[in-house]
Amino acid sequence: MPLSLLMIFALLVTLITFRQNGNADLAPATN
């Protein structure tokens, strides 16, 4: 049960990061 919740959370975080960075890159370090 907690595994699926973690997966959903990770997906949400990734989406938010993508939106904040506005970059299609998977490296938020390159601001």
C-alpha atoms as a PDB file:
ATOM      1  CA  MET A   1       0.000   0.000   0.000  1.00  0.00           C
ATOM      2  CA  PRO A   2       2.664   2.589   0.983  1.00  0.00           C
ATOM      3  CA  LEU A   3       4.648   1.767  -2.162  1.00  0.00           C
ATOM      4  CA  SER A   4       1.945   3.017  -4.533  1.00  0.00           C
ATOM      5  CA  LEU A   5       1.519   6.110  -2.369  1.00  0.00           C
ATOM      6  CA  LEU A   6       5.253   6.800  -2.626  1.00  0.00           C
ATOM      7  CA  MET A   7       5.107   6.360  -6.397  1.00  0.00           C
ATOM      8  CA  ILE A   8       2.253   8.855  -6.683  1.00  0.00           C
ATOM      9  CA  PHE A   9       4.075  11.307  -4.422  1.00  0.00           C
ATOM     10  CA  ALA A  10       7.256  10.995  -6.480  1.00  0.00           C
ATOM     11  CA  LEU A  11       5.270  11.617  -9.654  1.00  0.00           C
ATOM     12  CA  LEU A  12       3.670  14.721  -8.160  1.00  0.00           C
ATOM     13  CA  VAL A  13       7.031  16.066  -7.008  1.00  0.00           C
ATOM     14  CA  THR A  14       8.513  15.461 -10.459  1.00  0.00           C
ATOM     15  CA  LEU A  15       5.630  17.260 -12.140  1.00  0.00           C
ATOM     16  CA  ILE A  16       5.918  20.216  -9.758  1.00  0.00           C
ATOM     17  CA  THR A  17       9.684  20.403 -10.307  1.00  0.00           C
ATOM     18  CA  PHE A  18       9.197  20.308 -14.082  1.00  0.00           C
ATOM     19  CA  ARG A  19       6.679  23.142 -13.837  1.00  0.00           C
ATOM     20  CA  GLN A  20       8.886  25.258 -11.560  1.00  0.00           C
ATOM     21  CA  ASN A  21      11.966  24.787 -13.733  1.00  0.00           C
ATOM     22  CA  GLY A  22      10.063  25.026 -16.995  1.00  0.00           C
ATOM     23  CA  ASN A  23      12.732  22.729 -18.421  1.00  0.00           C
ATOM     24  CA  ALA A  24      12.300  19.309 -20.022  1.00  0.00           C
ATOM     25  CA  ASP A  25      15.582  18.278 -18.429  1.00  0.00           C
ATOM     26  CA  LEU A  26      15.609  15.839 -15.512  1.00  0.00           C
ATOM     27  CA  ALA A  27      18.400  17.837 -13.826  1.00  0.00           C
ATOM     28  CA  PRO A  28      17.045  20.649 -11.628  1.00  0.00           C
ATOM     29  CA  ALA A  29      20.644  21.383 -10.580  1.00  0.00           C
ATOM     30  CA  THR A  30      21.143  23.313 -13.835  1.00  0.00           C
ATOM     31  CA  ASN A  31      19.129  26.344 -12.875  1.00  0.00           C
END
